[in-house]
N, C-alpha and C. Protein backbone atom coordinates (compact mmCIF):
# COMPACT_ATOMS: atom_id res chain seq x y z
N UNK A 1 79.11 144.79 51.72
CA UNK A 1 79.43 144.36 53.04
C UNK A 1 80.53 145.25 53.59
N UNK A 2 80.40 145.61 54.83
CA UNK A 2 81.36 146.53 55.42
C UNK A 2 82.50 145.76 56.05
N UNK A 3 83.65 146.34 55.95
CA UNK A 3 84.85 145.81 56.57
C UNK A 3 84.78 146.16 58.06
N UNK A 4 85.39 145.33 58.93
CA UNK A 4 85.37 145.58 60.36
C UNK A 4 86.03 146.90 60.70
N UNK A 5 86.99 147.32 59.86
CA UNK A 5 87.68 148.58 60.13
C UNK A 5 86.78 149.76 59.83
N UNK A 6 85.90 149.59 58.87
CA UNK A 6 85.08 150.71 58.47
C UNK A 6 83.75 150.76 59.19
N UNK A 7 83.35 149.70 59.89
CA UNK A 7 82.05 149.70 60.55
C UNK A 7 82.08 150.43 61.87
N UNK A 8 83.25 150.70 62.38
CA UNK A 8 83.35 151.43 63.62
C UNK A 8 83.34 150.52 64.84
N UNK A 9 83.19 149.22 64.64
CA UNK A 9 83.18 148.28 65.76
C UNK A 9 84.57 147.68 65.93
N UNK A 10 84.97 147.51 67.16
CA UNK A 10 86.26 146.90 67.46
C UNK A 10 86.06 145.39 67.59
N UNK A 11 86.65 144.62 66.65
CA UNK A 11 86.48 143.17 66.63
C UNK A 11 87.14 142.54 67.85
N UNK A 12 88.21 143.11 68.34
CA UNK A 12 88.93 142.52 69.47
C UNK A 12 88.13 142.61 70.76
N UNK A 13 87.12 143.44 70.84
CA UNK A 13 86.32 143.56 72.06
C UNK A 13 85.09 142.66 72.02
N UNK A 14 84.95 141.81 70.98
CA UNK A 14 83.81 140.89 70.90
C UNK A 14 83.92 139.89 72.06
N UNK A 15 82.81 139.47 72.61
CA UNK A 15 82.85 138.54 73.75
C UNK A 15 83.49 137.20 73.35
N UNK A 16 84.32 136.68 74.25
CA UNK A 16 84.95 135.38 74.04
C UNK A 16 84.52 134.43 75.16
N UNK A 17 83.30 134.54 75.56
CA UNK A 17 82.77 133.77 76.68
C UNK A 17 82.77 132.27 76.38
N UNK A 18 82.28 131.86 75.24
CA UNK A 18 82.18 130.43 74.93
C UNK A 18 83.55 129.75 74.90
N UNK A 19 84.54 130.27 74.22
CA UNK A 19 85.86 129.61 74.26
C UNK A 19 86.46 129.55 75.67
N UNK A 20 86.25 130.61 76.46
CA UNK A 20 86.77 130.61 77.82
C UNK A 20 86.05 129.58 78.69
N UNK A 21 84.75 129.43 78.53
CA UNK A 21 84.00 128.41 79.27
C UNK A 21 84.48 127.02 78.91
N UNK A 22 84.76 126.79 77.64
CA UNK A 22 85.26 125.47 77.22
C UNK A 22 86.62 125.18 77.85
N UNK A 23 87.48 126.18 77.92
CA UNK A 23 88.79 125.98 78.53
C UNK A 23 88.64 125.63 80.01
N UNK A 24 87.77 126.32 80.72
CA UNK A 24 87.55 126.06 82.14
C UNK A 24 86.97 124.66 82.33
N UNK A 25 86.03 124.27 81.47
CA UNK A 25 85.43 122.94 81.57
C UNK A 25 86.47 121.84 81.37
N UNK A 26 87.35 122.01 80.42
CA UNK A 26 88.40 121.01 80.18
C UNK A 26 89.32 120.91 81.40
N UNK A 27 89.69 122.03 81.98
CA UNK A 27 90.55 122.01 83.16
C UNK A 27 89.85 121.30 84.32
N UNK A 28 88.57 121.57 84.52
CA UNK A 28 87.82 120.93 85.60
C UNK A 28 87.73 119.42 85.40
N UNK A 29 87.51 118.97 84.18
CA UNK A 29 87.45 117.54 83.88
C UNK A 29 88.81 116.89 84.18
N UNK A 30 89.89 117.52 83.77
CA UNK A 30 91.23 116.97 84.02
C UNK A 30 91.54 116.91 85.52
N UNK A 31 91.16 117.93 86.27
CA UNK A 31 91.36 117.93 87.72
C UNK A 31 90.54 116.81 88.35
N UNK A 32 89.32 116.60 87.89
CA UNK A 32 88.47 115.52 88.40
C UNK A 32 89.09 114.15 88.14
N UNK A 33 89.61 113.94 86.95
CA UNK A 33 90.26 112.66 86.62
C UNK A 33 91.51 112.44 87.47
N UNK A 34 92.28 113.48 87.68
CA UNK A 34 93.46 113.37 88.53
C UNK A 34 93.06 113.01 89.96
N UNK A 35 92.01 113.63 90.46
CA UNK A 35 91.52 113.33 91.81
C UNK A 35 91.12 111.86 91.92
N UNK A 36 90.41 111.33 90.92
CA UNK A 36 89.99 109.93 90.95
C UNK A 36 91.19 108.99 90.94
N UNK A 37 92.22 109.33 90.17
CA UNK A 37 93.43 108.50 90.14
C UNK A 37 94.12 108.51 91.49
N UNK A 38 94.22 109.67 92.12
CA UNK A 38 94.88 109.76 93.42
C UNK A 38 94.09 108.97 94.46
N UNK A 39 92.78 109.09 94.46
CA UNK A 39 91.94 108.35 95.40
C UNK A 39 92.09 106.86 95.18
N UNK A 40 92.13 106.43 93.93
CA UNK A 40 92.23 105.00 93.62
C UNK A 40 93.56 104.44 94.12
N UNK A 41 94.66 105.16 93.96
CA UNK A 41 95.96 104.64 94.34
C UNK A 41 96.25 104.79 95.83
N UNK A 42 95.61 105.72 96.51
CA UNK A 42 95.87 105.89 97.93
C UNK A 42 94.70 105.40 98.77
N UNK A 43 93.72 104.82 98.14
CA UNK A 43 92.53 104.35 98.83
C UNK A 43 92.79 103.12 99.66
N UNK A 44 91.92 102.17 99.57
CA UNK A 44 91.94 101.00 100.44
C UNK A 44 92.72 99.84 99.83
N UNK A 45 93.98 100.07 99.52
CA UNK A 45 94.78 98.98 99.01
C UNK A 45 95.24 98.11 100.17
N UNK A 46 95.32 96.80 99.96
CA UNK A 46 95.72 95.92 101.06
C UNK A 46 97.18 96.14 101.42
N UNK A 47 97.52 95.97 102.68
CA UNK A 47 98.91 96.16 103.07
C UNK A 47 99.79 95.08 102.45
N UNK A 48 101.01 95.46 102.12
CA UNK A 48 101.96 94.52 101.56
C UNK A 48 102.57 93.73 102.71
N UNK A 49 102.49 92.42 102.62
CA UNK A 49 103.04 91.56 103.65
C UNK A 49 104.27 90.89 103.07
N UNK A 50 105.37 91.04 103.75
CA UNK A 50 106.57 90.36 103.28
C UNK A 50 106.66 89.00 103.97
N UNK A 51 107.45 88.17 103.39
CA UNK A 51 107.63 86.81 103.87
C UNK A 51 109.08 86.65 104.28
N UNK A 52 109.31 86.11 105.46
CA UNK A 52 110.68 85.89 105.90
C UNK A 52 111.07 84.46 105.61
N UNK A 53 112.30 84.28 105.12
CA UNK A 53 112.82 82.96 104.79
C UNK A 53 114.05 82.68 105.64
N UNK A 54 114.15 81.45 106.14
CA UNK A 54 115.35 81.00 106.82
C UNK A 54 115.90 79.86 105.99
N UNK A 55 117.09 80.09 105.41
CA UNK A 55 117.67 79.12 104.48
C UNK A 55 118.86 78.43 105.15
N UNK A 56 118.81 77.10 105.16
CA UNK A 56 119.92 76.31 105.68
C UNK A 56 120.19 75.16 104.72
N UNK A 57 121.36 74.56 104.87
CA UNK A 57 121.71 73.41 104.05
C UNK A 57 121.52 72.17 104.90
N UNK A 58 120.73 71.23 104.39
CA UNK A 58 120.46 69.98 105.11
C UNK A 58 120.75 68.81 104.18
N UNK A 59 121.88 68.14 104.40
CA UNK A 59 122.31 67.02 103.56
C UNK A 59 122.43 67.46 102.10
N UNK A 60 121.65 66.85 101.22
CA UNK A 60 121.73 67.16 99.79
C UNK A 60 120.68 68.18 99.37
N UNK A 61 120.03 68.81 100.35
CA UNK A 61 118.95 69.76 100.05
C UNK A 61 119.15 71.07 100.80
N UNK A 62 118.56 72.12 100.21
CA UNK A 62 118.38 73.38 100.92
C UNK A 62 117.08 73.22 101.70
N UNK A 63 117.02 73.75 102.89
CA UNK A 63 115.80 73.81 103.67
C UNK A 63 115.43 75.28 103.81
N UNK A 64 114.28 75.65 103.27
CA UNK A 64 113.82 77.04 103.31
C UNK A 64 112.55 77.08 104.17
N UNK A 65 112.68 77.61 105.38
CA UNK A 65 111.56 77.68 106.30
C UNK A 65 110.86 79.03 106.10
N UNK A 66 109.53 78.99 106.00
CA UNK A 66 108.72 80.19 105.77
C UNK A 66 108.22 80.74 107.10
N UNK A 67 108.25 82.05 107.26
CA UNK A 67 107.66 82.69 108.44
C UNK A 67 107.18 84.09 108.08
N UNK A 68 106.38 84.68 108.98
CA UNK A 68 105.74 85.99 108.77
C UNK A 68 104.95 85.97 107.47
N UNK A 69 104.00 85.09 107.41
CA UNK A 69 103.21 84.87 106.19
C UNK A 69 101.94 85.70 106.16
N UNK A 70 101.42 85.99 104.95
CA UNK A 70 100.06 86.55 104.86
C UNK A 70 99.08 85.48 105.32
N UNK A 71 98.09 85.87 106.08
CA UNK A 71 97.17 84.87 106.64
C UNK A 71 96.16 84.39 105.61
N UNK A 72 95.74 83.15 105.80
CA UNK A 72 94.67 82.58 105.02
C UNK A 72 95.01 82.18 103.60
N UNK A 73 96.28 82.06 103.26
CA UNK A 73 96.68 81.67 101.90
C UNK A 73 96.81 80.16 101.82
N UNK A 74 96.17 79.58 100.83
CA UNK A 74 96.30 78.15 100.58
C UNK A 74 97.55 77.91 99.73
N UNK A 75 98.09 76.69 99.76
CA UNK A 75 99.26 76.39 98.92
C UNK A 75 99.00 76.61 97.43
N UNK A 76 97.76 76.53 97.01
CA UNK A 76 97.44 76.78 95.60
C UNK A 76 97.44 78.27 95.27
N UNK A 77 97.52 79.15 96.30
CA UNK A 77 97.50 80.59 96.10
C UNK A 77 98.87 81.25 96.30
N UNK A 78 99.88 80.43 96.57
CA UNK A 78 101.23 80.95 96.71
C UNK A 78 102.14 80.22 95.72
N UNK A 79 103.16 80.92 95.21
CA UNK A 79 103.94 80.40 94.09
C UNK A 79 105.44 80.52 94.35
N UNK A 80 106.17 79.61 93.73
CA UNK A 80 107.62 79.62 93.78
C UNK A 80 108.17 79.77 92.37
N UNK A 81 109.23 80.54 92.24
CA UNK A 81 109.95 80.68 90.98
C UNK A 81 111.44 80.63 91.34
N UNK A 82 112.22 79.84 90.59
CA UNK A 82 113.66 79.76 90.82
C UNK A 82 114.40 80.21 89.58
N UNK A 83 115.49 80.95 89.81
CA UNK A 83 116.38 81.41 88.73
C UNK A 83 117.80 80.99 89.08
N UNK A 84 118.56 80.65 88.06
CA UNK A 84 119.97 80.34 88.32
C UNK A 84 120.76 81.64 88.50
N UNK A 85 122.05 81.52 88.73
CA UNK A 85 122.86 82.72 89.00
C UNK A 85 122.93 83.66 87.79
N UNK A 86 122.61 83.14 86.59
CA UNK A 86 122.55 83.99 85.39
C UNK A 86 121.17 84.60 85.19
N UNK A 87 120.28 84.36 86.15
CA UNK A 87 118.90 84.86 86.16
C UNK A 87 117.99 84.17 85.14
N UNK A 88 118.42 83.02 84.62
CA UNK A 88 117.55 82.21 83.77
C UNK A 88 116.59 81.44 84.66
N UNK A 89 115.34 81.31 84.24
CA UNK A 89 114.35 80.61 85.04
C UNK A 89 114.61 79.11 84.95
N UNK A 90 114.78 78.48 86.12
CA UNK A 90 114.99 77.03 86.17
C UNK A 90 113.73 76.30 86.64
N UNK A 91 112.93 76.95 87.47
CA UNK A 91 111.61 76.45 87.86
C UNK A 91 110.64 77.59 87.61
N UNK A 92 109.74 77.42 86.63
CA UNK A 92 108.78 78.50 86.36
C UNK A 92 107.82 78.68 87.53
N UNK A 93 107.11 79.78 87.53
CA UNK A 93 106.15 80.10 88.61
C UNK A 93 105.21 78.91 88.79
N UNK A 94 105.32 78.27 89.94
CA UNK A 94 104.57 77.05 90.24
C UNK A 94 103.95 77.18 91.61
N UNK A 95 102.70 76.76 91.75
CA UNK A 95 102.05 76.87 93.06
C UNK A 95 102.71 75.89 94.04
N UNK A 96 102.70 76.26 95.31
CA UNK A 96 103.26 75.38 96.33
C UNK A 96 102.54 74.04 96.34
N UNK A 97 101.25 74.05 96.02
CA UNK A 97 100.47 72.80 95.99
C UNK A 97 101.03 71.81 94.97
N UNK A 98 101.65 72.31 93.90
CA UNK A 98 102.21 71.42 92.87
C UNK A 98 103.62 70.94 93.20
N UNK A 99 104.20 71.45 94.27
CA UNK A 99 105.54 71.03 94.65
C UNK A 99 105.44 69.85 95.61
N UNK A 100 104.94 68.76 95.09
CA UNK A 100 104.67 67.56 95.88
C UNK A 100 105.71 66.49 95.58
N UNK A 101 105.67 65.41 96.36
CA UNK A 101 106.58 64.28 96.13
C UNK A 101 106.38 63.70 94.73
N UNK A 102 105.15 63.72 94.24
CA UNK A 102 104.87 63.20 92.89
C UNK A 102 105.55 64.02 91.80
N UNK A 103 105.81 65.30 92.07
CA UNK A 103 106.45 66.19 91.08
C UNK A 103 107.93 66.44 91.37
N UNK A 104 108.53 65.69 92.33
CA UNK A 104 109.92 65.92 92.69
C UNK A 104 110.85 65.80 91.49
N UNK A 105 110.66 64.78 90.66
CA UNK A 105 111.57 64.57 89.52
C UNK A 105 111.46 65.72 88.51
N UNK A 106 110.35 66.39 88.48
CA UNK A 106 110.16 67.50 87.54
C UNK A 106 110.83 68.79 88.03
N UNK A 107 110.60 69.14 89.31
CA UNK A 107 111.08 70.42 89.85
C UNK A 107 112.29 70.27 90.78
N UNK A 108 112.42 69.13 91.42
CA UNK A 108 113.40 68.88 92.47
C UNK A 108 113.23 69.88 93.61
N UNK A 109 111.96 70.13 93.91
CA UNK A 109 111.54 70.99 95.02
C UNK A 109 110.33 70.33 95.65
N UNK A 110 110.27 70.34 96.99
CA UNK A 110 109.14 69.76 97.72
C UNK A 110 108.64 70.77 98.74
N UNK A 111 107.32 70.99 98.76
CA UNK A 111 106.69 71.82 99.78
C UNK A 111 106.24 70.90 100.90
N UNK A 112 106.70 71.16 102.12
CA UNK A 112 106.37 70.32 103.27
C UNK A 112 105.64 71.15 104.33
N UNK A 113 104.45 70.69 104.72
CA UNK A 113 103.65 71.37 105.74
C UNK A 113 104.19 71.06 107.13
N UNK A 114 104.18 72.06 108.00
CA UNK A 114 104.58 71.85 109.39
C UNK A 114 103.46 71.16 110.16
N UNK A 115 102.20 71.49 109.79
CA UNK A 115 101.05 70.90 110.46
C UNK A 115 100.03 70.53 109.39
N UNK A 116 99.88 69.25 109.13
CA UNK A 116 98.98 68.78 108.07
C UNK A 116 97.51 69.08 108.36
N UNK A 117 97.15 69.32 109.62
CA UNK A 117 95.76 69.58 109.99
C UNK A 117 95.30 70.98 109.56
N UNK A 118 96.25 71.88 109.28
CA UNK A 118 95.92 73.25 108.88
C UNK A 118 96.17 73.38 107.39
N UNK A 119 95.12 73.65 106.59
CA UNK A 119 95.30 73.68 105.13
C UNK A 119 96.06 74.89 104.62
N UNK A 120 96.04 76.02 105.34
CA UNK A 120 96.71 77.23 104.88
C UNK A 120 98.22 77.11 105.04
N UNK A 121 98.93 77.89 104.23
CA UNK A 121 100.38 78.01 104.39
C UNK A 121 100.61 78.74 105.71
N UNK A 122 101.54 78.23 106.51
CA UNK A 122 101.75 78.82 107.83
C UNK A 122 103.22 78.87 108.16
N UNK A 123 103.55 79.65 109.18
CA UNK A 123 104.93 79.71 109.65
C UNK A 123 105.38 78.31 110.05
N UNK A 124 106.59 77.98 109.65
CA UNK A 124 107.12 76.65 109.93
C UNK A 124 107.05 75.72 108.72
N UNK A 125 106.19 76.02 107.76
CA UNK A 125 106.18 75.24 106.52
C UNK A 125 107.51 75.46 105.84
N UNK A 126 107.94 74.49 105.02
CA UNK A 126 109.25 74.66 104.40
C UNK A 126 109.29 74.09 103.00
N UNK A 127 110.31 74.50 102.30
CA UNK A 127 110.61 73.98 100.98
C UNK A 127 111.92 73.22 101.07
N UNK A 128 111.96 72.04 100.50
CA UNK A 128 113.20 71.30 100.35
C UNK A 128 113.59 71.41 98.89
N UNK A 129 114.80 71.88 98.63
CA UNK A 129 115.26 72.15 97.26
C UNK A 129 116.56 71.39 97.04
N UNK A 130 116.61 70.58 96.01
CA UNK A 130 117.80 69.78 95.73
C UNK A 130 118.99 70.68 95.38
N UNK A 131 120.08 70.52 96.11
CA UNK A 131 121.27 71.33 95.88
C UNK A 131 121.89 71.00 94.52
N UNK A 132 121.86 69.73 94.11
CA UNK A 132 122.45 69.34 92.83
C UNK A 132 121.75 70.04 91.66
N UNK A 133 120.44 70.20 91.74
CA UNK A 133 119.68 70.85 90.66
C UNK A 133 119.68 72.36 90.79
N UNK A 134 119.75 72.86 92.02
CA UNK A 134 119.65 74.30 92.29
C UNK A 134 120.79 74.69 93.24
N UNK A 135 122.00 74.87 92.70
CA UNK A 135 123.19 75.11 93.53
C UNK A 135 123.20 76.50 94.17
N UNK A 136 124.23 76.73 94.94
CA UNK A 136 124.44 78.02 95.58
C UNK A 136 124.40 79.13 94.52
N UNK A 137 123.73 80.21 94.84
CA UNK A 137 123.57 81.32 93.89
C UNK A 137 122.20 81.33 93.24
N UNK A 138 121.44 80.24 93.40
CA UNK A 138 120.08 80.20 92.86
C UNK A 138 119.22 81.23 93.58
N UNK A 139 118.41 81.94 92.83
CA UNK A 139 117.53 82.98 93.38
C UNK A 139 116.13 82.40 93.54
N UNK A 140 115.58 82.57 94.73
CA UNK A 140 114.25 82.05 95.04
C UNK A 140 113.29 83.23 95.17
N UNK A 141 112.14 83.13 94.50
CA UNK A 141 111.08 84.15 94.59
C UNK A 141 109.81 83.45 95.04
N UNK A 142 109.17 83.99 96.05
CA UNK A 142 107.88 83.47 96.49
C UNK A 142 106.88 84.61 96.36
N UNK A 143 105.73 84.29 95.75
CA UNK A 143 104.72 85.32 95.49
C UNK A 143 103.33 84.76 95.76
N UNK A 144 102.37 85.67 95.79
CA UNK A 144 100.96 85.27 95.77
C UNK A 144 100.36 85.81 94.49
N UNK A 145 99.05 85.86 94.40
CA UNK A 145 98.42 86.32 93.17
C UNK A 145 98.60 87.81 92.92
N UNK A 146 99.00 88.57 93.93
CA UNK A 146 99.11 90.03 93.79
C UNK A 146 100.53 90.56 93.75
N UNK A 147 101.45 89.93 94.48
CA UNK A 147 102.78 90.53 94.58
C UNK A 147 103.85 89.51 94.95
N UNK A 148 105.08 89.92 94.78
CA UNK A 148 106.22 89.12 95.20
C UNK A 148 106.39 89.34 96.71
N UNK A 149 106.43 88.26 97.46
CA UNK A 149 106.50 88.36 98.91
C UNK A 149 107.93 88.23 99.43
N UNK A 150 108.77 87.50 98.72
CA UNK A 150 110.15 87.30 99.17
C UNK A 150 111.04 86.99 97.99
N UNK A 151 112.26 87.53 98.04
CA UNK A 151 113.31 87.21 97.08
C UNK A 151 114.57 86.99 97.90
N UNK A 152 115.21 85.85 97.70
CA UNK A 152 116.43 85.56 98.44
C UNK A 152 117.33 84.70 97.58
N UNK A 153 118.54 84.48 98.06
CA UNK A 153 119.51 83.69 97.32
C UNK A 153 119.92 82.50 98.15
N UNK A 154 119.99 81.34 97.51
CA UNK A 154 120.44 80.14 98.20
C UNK A 154 121.96 80.18 98.29
N UNK A 155 122.48 80.29 99.52
CA UNK A 155 123.93 80.32 99.73
C UNK A 155 124.28 79.54 100.98
């Protein structure tokens, strides 16, 4: 068998077409995947709607009035979470529908509709929160199934 040096052929000039094609194919696949990720994240995502809260003190309760709401959300599709000033959870994520008079002793929070004829959460609906159970400095978070809509502090 002849050595490459003695055969007169230059091994370095052998075609490297297959390895180069594989490299190009890998780059094209990676560019395609990147394109799909960019399209997915910048595509038709729903707009983020924030929720405005008006917090006042009424007797022994905080009154939190909701406004600028996402449309068409039922009380079972929106949630409340309360944290104390140390950021410990005092009321776990609970749907507004569960914040009823029957559950007052459990959460010491009541969801009150402004208009009982409309089933969706709407501007003017409010939360009554017991000051004794949730004092000044308590952090209130309201969310839906996709995102946090409002974070505020009871003061």
